[in-house]
Amino acid sequence: MAEFVKLWDLVQSQQLNDQEDQITWRWTADCNYSTKSAYLAQFKGSYTTILANSIWKAHAEGKLKIFAWPLVQAKILTADKLALRH
């Protein structure tokens, strides 16, 4: 009930006018919606890019660094990638 009263107080201070509503898309610079922008917005902040320098500067054995380099570039030939190459 307290939330309703708070919402009621906020709504009471709003004034309506004859101006038409405008819909804008905040995920693009031009504020226009596209399926590409919606797809990119879905993954915004869900992954990070790994800089190459961070791999080579890591305190790890050389063989791990050499393995990590193609791993972050998605170049390791896993079973699914080998199947695509026949």
N, C-alpha and C. Protein backbone atom coordinates (compact mmCIF):
# COMPACT_ATOMS: atom_id res chain seq x y z
N MET A 1 0.82 -1.18 0.00
CA MET A 1 0.00 0.00 0.00
C MET A 1 0.87 1.26 0.00
N ALA A 2 2.00 1.19 0.70
CA ALA A 2 2.90 2.34 0.77
C ALA A 2 3.46 2.67 -0.61
N GLU A 3 3.75 1.64 -1.40
CA GLU A 3 4.27 1.88 -2.75
C GLU A 3 3.21 2.57 -3.62
N PHE A 4 1.96 2.16 -3.45
CA PHE A 4 0.88 2.78 -4.22
C PHE A 4 0.74 4.25 -3.87
N VAL A 5 0.82 4.56 -2.60
CA VAL A 5 0.70 5.96 -2.17
C VAL A 5 1.87 6.78 -2.71
N LYS A 6 3.06 6.21 -2.69
CA LYS A 6 4.23 6.90 -3.23
C LYS A 6 4.06 7.16 -4.72
N LEU A 7 3.59 6.13 -5.45
CA LEU A 7 3.34 6.29 -6.89
C LEU A 7 2.27 7.35 -7.14
N TRP A 8 1.22 7.34 -6.34
CA TRP A 8 0.15 8.32 -6.49
C TRP A 8 0.68 9.74 -6.33
N ASP A 9 1.55 9.96 -5.35
CA ASP A 9 2.13 11.28 -5.14
C ASP A 9 2.98 11.72 -6.34
N LEU A 10 3.72 10.78 -6.92
CA LEU A 10 4.55 11.10 -8.08
C LEU A 10 3.69 11.44 -9.30
N VAL A 11 2.60 10.71 -9.49
CA VAL A 11 1.73 10.92 -10.65
C VAL A 11 0.98 12.24 -10.53
N GLN A 12 0.61 12.64 -9.34
CA GLN A 12 -0.16 13.86 -9.14
C GLN A 12 0.60 15.10 -9.58
N SER A 13 1.91 15.07 -9.53
CA SER A 13 2.69 16.25 -9.88
C SER A 13 2.93 16.38 -11.39
N GLN A 14 2.51 15.41 -12.17
CA GLN A 14 2.73 15.43 -13.61
C GLN A 14 1.60 16.18 -14.32
N GLN A 15 1.99 16.99 -15.31
CA GLN A 15 1.03 17.73 -16.11
C GLN A 15 1.02 17.17 -17.52
N LEU A 16 -0.15 16.88 -18.05
CA LEU A 16 -0.28 16.38 -19.42
C LEU A 16 -0.49 17.56 -20.36
N ASN A 17 -0.01 17.40 -21.60
CA ASN A 17 -0.22 18.42 -22.61
C ASN A 17 -0.63 17.76 -23.92
N ASP A 18 -0.76 18.53 -24.98
CA ASP A 18 -1.22 18.01 -26.26
C ASP A 18 -0.09 17.48 -27.14
N GLN A 19 1.10 17.45 -26.62
CA GLN A 19 2.24 16.99 -27.40
C GLN A 19 2.17 15.47 -27.60
N GLU A 20 2.52 15.02 -28.82
CA GLU A 20 2.49 13.59 -29.11
C GLU A 20 3.63 12.87 -28.40
N ASP A 21 3.38 11.62 -28.07
CA ASP A 21 4.41 10.80 -27.44
C ASP A 21 5.53 10.52 -28.44
N GLN A 22 6.73 10.40 -27.92
CA GLN A 22 7.89 10.05 -28.74
C GLN A 22 8.55 8.82 -28.14
N ILE A 23 8.80 7.85 -28.99
CA ILE A 23 9.47 6.64 -28.55
C ILE A 23 10.89 6.69 -29.06
N THR A 24 11.84 6.55 -28.14
CA THR A 24 13.25 6.56 -28.53
C THR A 24 13.91 5.28 -28.03
N TRP A 25 14.92 4.86 -28.74
CA TRP A 25 15.69 3.67 -28.41
C TRP A 25 17.03 4.14 -27.86
N ARG A 26 17.29 3.88 -26.60
CA ARG A 26 18.47 4.46 -25.95
C ARG A 26 19.76 3.72 -26.25
N TRP A 27 19.72 2.62 -26.96
CA TRP A 27 20.92 1.82 -27.20
C TRP A 27 21.66 2.20 -28.47
N THR A 28 21.16 3.18 -29.21
CA THR A 28 21.87 3.67 -30.39
C THR A 28 22.03 5.18 -30.31
N ALA A 29 23.01 5.70 -31.03
CA ALA A 29 23.27 7.14 -31.00
C ALA A 29 22.13 7.93 -31.65
N ASP A 30 21.52 7.37 -32.70
CA ASP A 30 20.45 8.09 -33.39
C ASP A 30 19.06 7.79 -32.80
N CYS A 31 19.01 6.99 -31.73
CA CYS A 31 17.76 6.65 -31.02
C CYS A 31 16.75 5.89 -31.86
N ASN A 32 17.22 5.21 -32.90
CA ASN A 32 16.34 4.40 -33.74
C ASN A 32 16.57 2.93 -33.46
N TYR A 33 15.48 2.17 -33.41
CA TYR A 33 15.54 0.74 -33.13
C TYR A 33 15.92 -0.02 -34.39
N SER A 34 16.75 -1.05 -34.20
CA SER A 34 17.01 -2.02 -35.25
C SER A 34 17.22 -3.37 -34.57
N THR A 35 17.03 -4.43 -35.31
CA THR A 35 17.23 -5.75 -34.70
C THR A 35 18.69 -5.94 -34.31
N LYS A 36 19.60 -5.34 -35.06
CA LYS A 36 21.02 -5.44 -34.72
C LYS A 36 21.29 -4.76 -33.38
N SER A 37 20.71 -3.58 -33.17
CA SER A 37 20.94 -2.88 -31.92
C SER A 37 20.31 -3.63 -30.74
N ALA A 38 19.18 -4.27 -30.96
CA ALA A 38 18.55 -5.06 -29.89
C ALA A 38 19.41 -6.27 -29.56
N TYR A 39 19.97 -6.90 -30.58
CA TYR A 39 20.84 -8.06 -30.36
C TYR A 39 22.08 -7.65 -29.59
N LEU A 40 22.69 -6.53 -29.96
CA LEU A 40 23.88 -6.06 -29.27
C LEU A 40 23.56 -5.61 -27.84
N ALA A 41 22.40 -5.02 -27.63
CA ALA A 41 22.00 -4.58 -26.29
C ALA A 41 21.79 -5.77 -25.36
N GLN A 42 21.36 -6.89 -25.93
CA GLN A 42 21.13 -8.08 -25.14
C GLN A 42 22.42 -8.56 -24.48
N PHE A 43 23.55 -8.41 -25.15
CA PHE A 43 24.81 -8.91 -24.64
C PHE A 43 25.69 -7.81 -24.04
N LYS A 44 25.19 -6.60 -23.95
CA LYS A 44 25.99 -5.49 -23.42
C LYS A 44 26.37 -5.77 -21.97
N GLY A 45 27.66 -5.80 -21.73
CA GLY A 45 28.17 -6.05 -20.39
C GLY A 45 28.25 -7.50 -19.98
N SER A 46 27.86 -8.42 -20.87
CA SER A 46 27.88 -9.83 -20.49
C SER A 46 29.21 -10.50 -20.76
N TYR A 47 30.09 -9.84 -21.49
CA TYR A 47 31.40 -10.41 -21.74
C TYR A 47 32.42 -9.29 -21.85
N THR A 48 33.66 -9.65 -21.71
CA THR A 48 34.72 -8.66 -21.82
C THR A 48 35.74 -9.14 -22.84
N THR A 49 36.46 -8.23 -23.39
CA THR A 49 37.53 -8.60 -24.30
C THR A 49 38.82 -8.73 -23.51
N ILE A 50 39.61 -9.70 -23.89
CA ILE A 50 40.88 -9.93 -23.21
C ILE A 50 41.98 -9.35 -24.08
N LEU A 51 42.75 -8.49 -23.51
CA LEU A 51 43.85 -7.90 -24.24
C LEU A 51 45.01 -8.89 -24.34
N ALA A 52 45.68 -8.87 -25.46
CA ALA A 52 46.78 -9.81 -25.69
C ALA A 52 47.89 -9.61 -24.66
N ASN A 53 48.15 -8.38 -24.29
CA ASN A 53 49.22 -8.11 -23.33
C ASN A 53 48.96 -8.77 -21.99
N SER A 54 47.69 -8.88 -21.60
CA SER A 54 47.39 -9.49 -20.30
C SER A 54 47.73 -10.97 -20.29
N ILE A 55 47.65 -11.61 -21.44
CA ILE A 55 48.04 -13.03 -21.51
C ILE A 55 49.54 -13.16 -21.35
N TRP A 56 50.30 -12.37 -22.09
CA TRP A 56 51.74 -12.51 -22.08
C TRP A 56 52.38 -11.99 -20.80
N LYS A 57 51.69 -11.09 -20.09
CA LYS A 57 52.22 -10.57 -18.83
C LYS A 57 51.77 -11.38 -17.62
N ALA A 58 50.93 -12.37 -17.82
CA ALA A 58 50.42 -13.18 -16.71
C ALA A 58 51.55 -13.98 -16.07
N HIS A 59 51.42 -14.20 -14.77
CA HIS A 59 52.39 -15.01 -14.05
C HIS A 59 51.96 -16.47 -14.18
N ALA A 60 52.30 -17.06 -15.31
CA ALA A 60 51.94 -18.45 -15.58
C ALA A 60 53.05 -19.09 -16.42
N GLU A 61 53.00 -20.40 -16.50
CA GLU A 61 53.99 -21.10 -17.31
C GLU A 61 53.80 -20.75 -18.78
N GLY A 62 54.88 -20.86 -19.52
CA GLY A 62 54.84 -20.53 -20.94
C GLY A 62 53.86 -21.36 -21.72
N LYS A 63 53.76 -22.66 -21.39
CA LYS A 63 52.84 -23.53 -22.13
C LYS A 63 51.38 -23.11 -21.91
N LEU A 64 51.08 -22.55 -20.74
CA LEU A 64 49.71 -22.07 -20.50
C LEU A 64 49.43 -20.80 -21.28
N LYS A 65 50.42 -19.93 -21.38
CA LYS A 65 50.26 -18.71 -22.17
C LYS A 65 50.06 -19.04 -23.64
N ILE A 66 50.87 -20.01 -24.12
CA ILE A 66 50.77 -20.40 -25.53
C ILE A 66 49.41 -21.04 -25.81
N PHE A 67 48.85 -21.77 -24.84
CA PHE A 67 47.52 -22.35 -25.01
C PHE A 67 46.44 -21.28 -24.93
N ALA A 68 46.62 -20.29 -24.05
CA ALA A 68 45.60 -19.25 -23.86
C ALA A 68 45.47 -18.35 -25.07
N TRP A 69 46.57 -18.13 -25.78
CA TRP A 69 46.54 -17.22 -26.93
C TRP A 69 45.54 -17.66 -28.00
N PRO A 70 45.60 -18.89 -28.53
CA PRO A 70 44.57 -19.28 -29.52
C PRO A 70 43.19 -19.50 -28.88
N LEU A 71 43.17 -19.76 -27.58
CA LEU A 71 41.90 -19.97 -26.91
C LEU A 71 41.04 -18.71 -26.94
N VAL A 72 41.62 -17.56 -26.61
CA VAL A 72 40.84 -16.32 -26.60
C VAL A 72 40.49 -15.86 -28.01
N GLN A 73 41.20 -16.35 -29.00
CA GLN A 73 40.89 -16.00 -30.39
C GLN A 73 39.96 -17.02 -31.03
N ALA A 74 39.49 -18.01 -30.28
CA ALA A 74 38.60 -19.07 -30.75
C ALA A 74 39.21 -19.83 -31.92
N LYS A 75 40.50 -20.13 -31.83
CA LYS A 75 41.20 -20.83 -32.90
C LYS A 75 41.56 -22.27 -32.54
N ILE A 76 41.17 -22.73 -31.36
CA ILE A 76 41.49 -24.09 -30.97
C ILE A 76 40.55 -25.04 -31.70
N LEU A 77 41.10 -26.07 -32.28
CA LEU A 77 40.32 -27.02 -33.06
C LEU A 77 39.64 -28.02 -32.14
N THR A 78 38.47 -27.67 -31.67
CA THR A 78 37.68 -28.58 -30.86
C THR A 78 36.92 -29.53 -31.79
N ALA A 79 36.25 -30.50 -31.22
CA ALA A 79 35.57 -31.52 -32.03
C ALA A 79 34.55 -30.90 -32.98
N ASP A 80 33.81 -29.89 -32.54
CA ASP A 80 32.81 -29.28 -33.42
C ASP A 80 33.45 -28.53 -34.58
N LYS A 81 34.58 -27.90 -34.34
CA LYS A 81 35.27 -27.20 -35.43
C LYS A 81 35.93 -28.17 -36.39
N LEU A 82 36.44 -29.26 -35.86
CA LEU A 82 37.02 -30.29 -36.73
C LEU A 82 35.94 -30.93 -37.60
N ALA A 83 34.75 -31.11 -37.04
CA ALA A 83 33.64 -31.68 -37.82
C ALA A 83 33.24 -30.76 -38.96
N LEU A 84 33.31 -29.46 -38.74
CA LEU A 84 32.99 -28.51 -39.82
C LEU A 84 34.00 -28.58 -40.95
N ARG A 85 35.24 -28.92 -40.62
CA ARG A 85 36.30 -29.02 -41.63
C ARG A 85 36.35 -30.40 -42.30
N HIS A 86 35.52 -31.30 -41.86
CA HIS A 86 35.46 -32.69 -42.34
C HIS A 86 36.77 -33.39 -42.05
